[in-house]
C-alpha atoms as a PDB file:
ATOM      1  CA  MET A   1      -7.491   7.497  -0.543  1.00  0.00           C
ATOM      2  CA  LEU A   2      -7.731  10.089   2.223  1.00  0.00           C
ATOM      3  CA  LEU A   3      -5.794   9.401   5.419  1.00  0.00           C
ATOM      4  CA  THR A   4      -7.051  11.581   8.254  1.00  0.00           C
ATOM      5  CA  GLY A   5      -6.514  11.817  11.967  1.00  0.00           C
ATOM      6  CA  ALA A   6      -4.284  12.889  14.777  1.00  0.00           C
ATOM      7  CA  ARG A   7      -0.888  14.387  14.078  1.00  0.00           C
ATOM      8  CA  GLY A   8       2.156  12.168  14.366  1.00  0.00           C
ATOM      9  CA  THR A   9       0.225   8.898  14.053  1.00  0.00           C
ATOM     10  CA  GLY A  10       1.885   7.632  10.867  1.00  0.00           C
ATOM     11  CA  LYS A  11      -0.262   8.832   7.969  1.00  0.00           C
ATOM     12  CA  SER A  12       2.656  10.051   5.861  1.00  0.00           C
ATOM     13  CA  SER A  13       4.915   7.223   7.012  1.00  0.00           C
ATOM     14  CA  LEU A  14       2.424   4.656   5.741  1.00  0.00           C
ATOM     15  CA  ILE A  15       2.513   6.112   2.236  1.00  0.00           C
ATOM     16  CA  LYS A  16       6.312   6.285   2.254  1.00  0.00           C
ATOM     17  CA  ALA A  17       6.412   2.667   3.419  1.00  0.00           C
ATOM     18  CA  LEU A  18       4.396   1.673   0.345  1.00  0.00           C
ATOM     19  CA  LEU A  19       7.170   3.015  -1.839  1.00  0.00           C
ATOM     20  CA  THR A  20       9.811   1.104   0.116  1.00  0.00           C
ATOM     21  CA  LYS A  21       7.875  -2.148  -0.201  1.00  0.00           C
ATOM     22  CA  TYR A  22       6.559  -1.903  -3.754  1.00  0.00           C
ATOM     23  CA  ALA A  23       9.177   0.102  -5.671  1.00  0.00           C
ATOM     24  CA  PRO A  24      10.754  -3.119  -7.034  1.00  0.00           C
ATOM     25  CA  ARG A  25       7.341  -3.964  -8.534  1.00  0.00           C
ATOM     26  CA  GLY A  26       7.096  -0.619 -10.320  1.00  0.00           C
ATOM     27  CA  LEU A  27       5.419   1.679  -7.794  1.00  0.00           C
ATOM     28  CA  ARG A  28       6.478   5.318  -7.862  1.00  0.00           C
ATOM     29  CA  VAL A  29       5.333   8.123  -5.574  1.00  0.00           C
ATOM     30  CA  ILE A  30       5.159  11.716  -6.744  1.00  0.00           C
ATOM     31  CA  GLU A  31       4.645  14.218  -3.956  1.00  0.00           C
ATOM     32  CA  VAL A  32       2.616  17.208  -5.102  1.00  0.00           C
ATOM     33  CA  GLU A  33       2.612  20.310  -2.930  1.00  0.00           C
ATOM     34  CA  LYS A  34      -0.776  21.891  -2.301  1.00  0.00           C
ATOM     35  CA  GLN A  35       0.053  24.993  -4.319  1.00  0.00           C
ATOM     36  CA  ASP A  36       0.986  22.773  -7.292  1.00  0.00           C
ATOM     37  CA  LEU A  37      -2.321  20.897  -7.466  1.00  0.00           C
ATOM     38  CA  ILE A  38      -3.387  23.089 -10.378  1.00  0.00           C
ATOM     39  CA  ASP A  39      -0.667  21.269 -12.357  1.00  0.00           C
ATOM     40  CA  LEU A  40      -2.246  17.822 -11.825  1.00  0.00           C
ATOM     41  CA  PRO A  41      -3.478  17.535 -15.439  1.00  0.00           C
ATOM     42  CA  ASP A  42       0.042  18.238 -16.737  1.00  0.00           C
ATOM     43  CA  ILE A  43       1.573  15.699 -14.343  1.00  0.00           C
ATOM     44  CA  VAL A  44      -0.939  13.084 -15.462  1.00  0.00           C
ATOM     45  CA  ASP A  45      -0.164  13.767 -19.126  1.00  0.00           C
ATOM     46  CA  LEU A  46       3.524  13.111 -18.445  1.00  0.00           C
ATOM     47  CA  ILE A  47       3.084   9.773 -16.655  1.00  0.00           C
ATOM     48  CA  ALA A  48      -0.155   8.251 -17.988  1.00  0.00           C
ATOM     49  CA  ALA A  49       1.525   6.183 -20.705  1.00  0.00           C
ATOM     50  CA  ARG A  50       4.418   4.975 -18.552  1.00  0.00           C
ATOM     51  CA  PRO A  51       4.552   1.318 -17.444  1.00  0.00           C
ATOM     52  CA  GLU A  52       5.013   2.128 -13.735  1.00  0.00           C
ATOM     53  CA  ARG A  53       2.182   2.574 -11.239  1.00  0.00           C
ATOM     54  CA  PHE A  54       1.996   5.995  -9.608  1.00  0.00           C
ATOM     55  CA  VAL A  55       0.696   7.441  -6.387  1.00  0.00           C
ATOM     56  CA  LEU A  56       0.209  11.191  -6.593  1.00  0.00           C
ATOM     57  CA  TYR A  57       0.580  12.192  -2.978  1.00  0.00           C
ATOM     58  CA  CYS A  58      -0.315  15.428  -1.230  1.00  0.00           C
ATOM     59  CA  ASP A  59       0.821  15.608   2.377  1.00  0.00           C
ATOM     60  CA  ASP A  60      -1.011  17.579   5.062  1.00  0.00           C
ATOM     61  CA  LEU A  61      -3.785  18.639   2.722  1.00  0.00           C
ATOM     62  CA  SER A  62      -6.200  21.297   3.900  1.00  0.00           C
ATOM     63  CA  PHE A  63      -7.510  24.425   2.295  1.00  0.00           C
ATOM     64  CA  GLU A  64      -8.590  27.867   3.291  1.00  0.00           C
ATOM     65  CA  ASP A  65     -11.571  29.445   1.574  1.00  0.00           C
ATOM     66  CA  GLY A  66     -10.846  30.424  -2.019  1.00  0.00           C
ATOM     67  CA  GLU A  67      -7.572  28.528  -2.560  1.00  0.00           C
ATOM     68  CA  SER A  68      -7.062  27.504  -6.191  1.00  0.00           C
ATOM     69  CA  GLY A  69      -5.847  23.950  -5.557  1.00  0.00           C
ATOM     70  CA  TYR A  70      -9.219  22.996  -4.071  1.00  0.00           C
ATOM     71  CA  LYS A  71     -11.029  23.017  -7.419  1.00  0.00           C
ATOM     72  CA  ALA A  72      -8.139  21.245  -9.167  1.00  0.00           C
ATOM     73  CA  MET A  73      -8.262  18.421  -6.625  1.00  0.00           C
ATOM     74  CA  LYS A  74     -12.048  18.140  -6.976  1.00  0.00           C
ATOM     75  CA  SER A  75     -11.736  17.917 -10.735  1.00  0.00           C
ATOM     76  CA  ALA A  76      -9.049  15.228 -10.505  1.00  0.00           C
ATOM     77  CA  LEU A  77     -11.082  13.136  -8.082  1.00  0.00           C
ATOM     78  CA  ASP A  78     -14.234  13.491 -10.163  1.00  0.00           C
ATOM     79  CA  GLY A  79     -12.635  11.391 -12.851  1.00  0.00           C
ATOM     80  CA  SER A  80     -10.495  13.568 -15.040  1.00  0.00           C
ATOM     81  CA  VAL A  81      -7.497  11.757 -13.522  1.00  0.00           C
ATOM     82  CA  SER A  82      -8.341   8.682 -11.501  1.00  0.00           C
ATOM     83  CA  ALA A  83     -11.160   7.174 -13.574  1.00  0.00           C
ATOM     84  CA  GLN A  84      -9.506   7.519 -16.966  1.00  0.00           C
ATOM     85  CA  VAL A  85      -5.936   6.507 -16.100  1.00  0.00           C
ATOM     86  CA  ASP A  86      -5.470   3.084 -14.550  1.00  0.00           C
ATOM     87  CA  ASN A  87      -1.872   3.505 -13.390  1.00  0.00           C
ATOM     88  CA  ILE A  88      -2.481   6.547 -11.141  1.00  0.00           C
ATOM     89  CA  LEU A  89      -4.014   6.847  -7.682  1.00  0.00           C
ATOM     90  CA  ILE A  90      -4.339   9.987  -5.582  1.00  0.00           C
ATOM     91  CA  TYR A  91      -3.478   9.785  -1.881  1.00  0.00           C
ATOM     92  CA  ALA A  92      -3.734  12.663   0.562  1.00  0.00           C
ATOM     93  CA  THR A  93      -3.101  13.039   4.273  1.00  0.00           C
ATOM     94  CA  SER A  94      -4.814  15.585   6.482  1.00  0.00           C
ATOM     95  CA  ASN A  95      -5.501  16.364  10.104  1.00  0.00           C
ATOM     96  CA  ARG A  96      -8.942  17.608   8.968  1.00  0.00           C
ATOM     97  CA  ARG A  97     -11.573  15.160   7.806  1.00  0.00           C
ATOM     98  CA  HIS A  98     -13.361  17.703   5.619  1.00  0.00           C
ATOM     99  CA  LEU A  99     -10.242  19.535   4.358  1.00  0.00           C
ATOM    100  CA  LEU A 100     -11.821  22.993   4.710  1.00  0.00           C
ATOM    101  CA  PRO A 101     -12.544  24.957   7.888  1.00  0.00           C
ATOM    102  CA  GLU A 102     -16.178  24.885   8.959  1.00  0.00           C
ATOM    103  CA  TYR A 103     -17.805  27.774  10.778  1.00  0.00           C
ATOM    104  CA  MET A 104     -21.041  28.198  12.702  1.00  0.00           C
ATOM    105  CA  LYS A 105     -22.081  30.918  10.254  1.00  0.00           C
ATOM    106  CA  ASP A 106     -22.065  28.310   7.471  1.00  0.00           C
ATOM    107  CA  ASN A 107     -25.198  26.788   9.012  1.00  0.00           C
ATOM    108  CA  GLU A 108     -27.129  30.029   8.719  1.00  0.00           C
ATOM    109  CA  GLY A 109     -28.039  29.033   5.158  1.00  0.00           C
ATOM    110  CA  TYR A 110     -30.359  26.279   6.358  1.00  0.00           C
ATOM    111  CA  VAL A 111     -33.967  26.987   5.417  1.00  0.00           C
ATOM    112  CA  HIS A 112     -36.990  25.297   6.960  1.00  0.00           C
ATOM    113  CA  SER A 113     -39.864  25.606   4.477  1.00  0.00           C
ATOM    114  CA  ASP A 114     -43.596  25.301   5.207  1.00  0.00           C
ATOM    115  CA  ASP A 115     -43.791  21.789   3.745  1.00  0.00           C
ATOM    116  CA  GLY A 116     -41.244  20.511   6.254  1.00  0.00           C
ATOM    117  CA  GLU A 117     -38.425  19.983   3.765  1.00  0.00           C
ATOM    118  CA  ILE A 118     -34.998  20.999   4.975  1.00  0.00           C
ATOM    119  CA  HIS A 119     -32.602  22.577   2.474  1.00  0.00           C
ATOM    120  CA  PRO A 120     -28.991  22.464   3.653  1.00  0.00           C
ATOM    121  CA  GLY A 121     -26.946  25.536   2.818  1.00  0.00           C
ATOM    122  CA  GLU A 122     -24.815  25.290  -0.278  1.00  0.00           C
ATOM    123  CA  VAL A 123     -21.737  26.470   1.610  1.00  0.00           C
ATOM    124  CA  VAL A 124     -21.859  23.427   3.887  1.00  0.00           C
ATOM    125  CA  GLU A 125     -22.350  21.087   0.935  1.00  0.00           C
ATOM    126  CA  GLU A 126     -19.365  22.581  -0.864  1.00  0.00           C
ATOM    127  CA  LYS A 127     -17.114  22.198   2.165  1.00  0.00           C
ATOM    128  CA  ILE A 128     -17.743  18.490   2.599  1.00  0.00           C
ATOM    129  CA  SER A 129     -17.868  17.618  -1.097  1.00  0.00           C
ATOM    130  CA  LEU A 130     -14.110  17.286  -1.620  1.00  0.00           C
ATOM    131  CA  SER A 131     -13.482  14.690   1.073  1.00  0.00           C
ATOM    132  CA  GLU A 132     -16.491  12.700  -0.158  1.00  0.00           C
ATOM    133  CA  ARG A 133     -14.792  12.274  -3.535  1.00  0.00           C
ATOM    134  CA  PHE A 134     -12.070  10.061  -2.070  1.00  0.00           C
ATOM    135  CA  GLY A 135     -13.046   6.440  -2.558  1.00  0.00           C
ATOM    136  CA  LEU A 136     -11.396   5.240   0.633  1.00  0.00           C
ATOM    137  CA  TRP A 137     -10.883   6.906   4.015  1.00  0.00           C
ATOM    138  CA  LEU A 138      -8.451   5.660   6.632  1.00  0.00           C
ATOM    139  CA  SER A 139      -8.677   7.209  10.105  1.00  0.00           C
ATOM    140  CA  PHE A 140      -5.726   7.372  12.481  1.00  0.00           C
ATOM    141  CA  TYR A 141      -6.193   7.726  16.227  1.00  0.00           C
ATOM    142  CA  PRO A 142      -3.714   8.543  18.990  1.00  0.00           C
ATOM    143  CA  PRO A 143      -2.342   5.476  20.773  1.00  0.00           C
ATOM    144  CA  LYS A 144      -3.547   4.563  24.241  1.00  0.00           C
ATOM    145  CA  GLN A 145      -1.099   5.097  27.088  1.00  0.00           C
ATOM    146  CA  ASP A 146       0.169   1.496  27.091  1.00  0.00           C
ATOM    147  CA  GLU A 147       0.641   1.590  23.313  1.00  0.00           C
ATOM    148  CA  TYR A 148       2.528   4.866  23.553  1.00  0.00           C
ATOM    149  CA  LEU A 149       4.821   3.432  26.249  1.00  0.00           C
ATOM    150  CA  ALA A 150       5.416   0.328  24.123  1.00  0.00           C
ATOM    151  CA  ILE A 151       6.543   2.559  21.243  1.00  0.00           C
ATOM    152  CA  VAL A 152       8.860   4.453  23.597  1.00  0.00           C
ATOM    153  CA  ALA A 153      10.289   1.152  24.881  1.00  0.00           C
ATOM    154  CA  HIS A 154      10.867  -0.071  21.330  1.00  0.00           C
ATOM    155  CA  TRP A 155      12.881   3.014  20.401  1.00  0.00           C
ATOM    156  CA  LEU A 156      14.839   3.070  23.664  1.00  0.00           C
ATOM    157  CA  ALA A 157      15.795  -0.576  23.077  1.00  0.00           C
ATOM    158  CA  HIS A 158      16.764   0.388  19.524  1.00  0.00           C
ATOM    159  CA  PHE A 159      19.152   2.958  21.019  1.00  0.00           C
ATOM    160  CA  GLY A 160      20.708   0.268  23.236  1.00  0.00           C
ATOM    161  CA  LEU A 161      19.195   1.057  26.629  1.00  0.00           C
ATOM    162  CA  SER A 162      18.708  -1.807  29.066  1.00  0.00           C
ATOM    163  CA  ALA A 163      15.354  -3.048  30.365  1.00  0.00           C
ATOM    164  CA  SER A 164      15.903  -1.285  33.697  1.00  0.00           C
ATOM    165  CA  GLN A 165      16.754   1.996  31.959  1.00  0.00           C
ATOM    166  CA  ILE A 166      13.631   1.691  29.814  1.00  0.00           C
ATOM    167  CA  GLU A 167      11.503   1.061  32.904  1.00  0.00           C
ATOM    168  CA  ALA A 168      13.006   4.124  34.588  1.00  0.00           C
ATOM    169  CA  ALA A 169      12.032   6.269  31.605  1.00  0.00           C
ATOM    170  CA  ARG A 170       8.302   5.438  31.674  1.00  0.00           C
ATOM    171  CA  SER A 171       7.136   8.255  33.938  1.00  0.00           C
ATOM    172  CA  GLU A 172       9.263  10.815  32.099  1.00  0.00           C
ATOM    173  CA  ALA A 173       7.855   9.597  28.773  1.00  0.00           C
ATOM    174  CA  LEU A 174       4.335  10.294  30.057  1.00  0.00           C
ATOM    175  CA  VAL A 175       5.311  13.766  31.236  1.00  0.00           C
ATOM    176  CA  TRP A 176       6.937  14.436  27.852  1.00  0.00           C
ATOM    177  CA  ALA A 177       3.693  13.517  26.049  1.00  0.00           C
ATOM    178  CA  LEU A 178       1.600  15.586  28.460  1.00  0.00           C
ATOM    179  CA  GLU A 179       3.761  18.657  27.919  1.00  0.00           C
ATOM    180  CA  ARG A 180       3.314  18.317  24.156  1.00  0.00           C
ATOM    181  CA  GLY A 181      -0.418  17.660  24.353  1.00  0.00           C
ATOM    182  CA  SER A 182      -0.147  14.491  22.305  1.00  0.00           C
ATOM    183  CA  ARG A 183       0.633  10.798  22.528  1.00  0.00           C
ATOM    184  CA  SER A 184       1.856   9.630  19.142  1.00  0.00           C
ATOM    185  CA  GLY A 185       4.584   7.677  17.443  1.00  0.00           C
ATOM    186  CA  ARG A 186       6.316  10.938  16.606  1.00  0.00           C
ATOM    187  CA  VAL A 187       6.279  12.122  20.228  1.00  0.00           C
ATOM    188  CA  ALA A 188       7.555   8.710  21.367  1.00  0.00           C
ATOM    189  CA  TRP A 189      10.426   8.915  18.859  1.00  0.00           C
ATOM    190  CA  GLN A 190      11.354  12.429  19.970  1.00  0.00           C
ATOM    191  CA  PHE A 191      11.325  11.422  23.626  1.00  0.00           C
ATOM    192  CA  ALA A 192      13.408   8.298  22.959  1.00  0.00           C
ATOM    193  CA  LYS A 193      16.072  10.317  21.108  1.00  0.00           C
ATOM    194  CA  HIS A 194      16.181  12.867  23.942  1.00  0.00           C
ATOM    195  CA  TRP A 195      16.293  10.245  26.699  1.00  0.00           C
ATOM    196  CA  ALA A 196      18.840   8.030  24.987  1.00  0.00           C
ATOM    197  CA  GLY A 197      21.064  11.029  24.319  1.00  0.00           C
ATOM    198  CA  SER A 198      20.879  12.066  27.978  1.00  0.00           C
ATOM    199  CA  HIS A 199      21.245   8.621  29.552  1.00  0.00           C
ATOM    200  CA  ALA A 200      23.309   6.507  27.173  1.00  0.00           C
END
């Protein structure tokens, strides 16, 4: 599963919540750093015969051209891991849907032949091929203004502020989000901690 979308919208938190909910039923999460993806086959060998269910999790996954972990992840998703071992799933989060940077120059490989057939450049195909190997995509979008303010209100109430104090914080919460260029659960949490600390 590939979870993509705006920063601070809960992609990583969702995966961590799975562990909290399902650990008593045998779920385990192993976080694999991007630079360690080349060790995926060794990790699988160690856990494949265990009775637990595993999520191999790579947070904030994206690659630059030529990074070694890219090919290891492709190989794992092609079946060397997920199709042959029924107690392992691979989850990744990313702010990029295609996991690799795309450039205008990549499109220069397109060729229009005389018979009208269009041949996409191999570079473009390679760049989108990794994300296509994930069986499920979940997209995360920034909350609307009212949703963002509801999150802020929830956290301010959590910190013990009264309804009138929460109402007084609304305009400042919007300014806070504007200054950071993002409305998200993370930004709401950061504002609530700041505001509660200043006004408790």
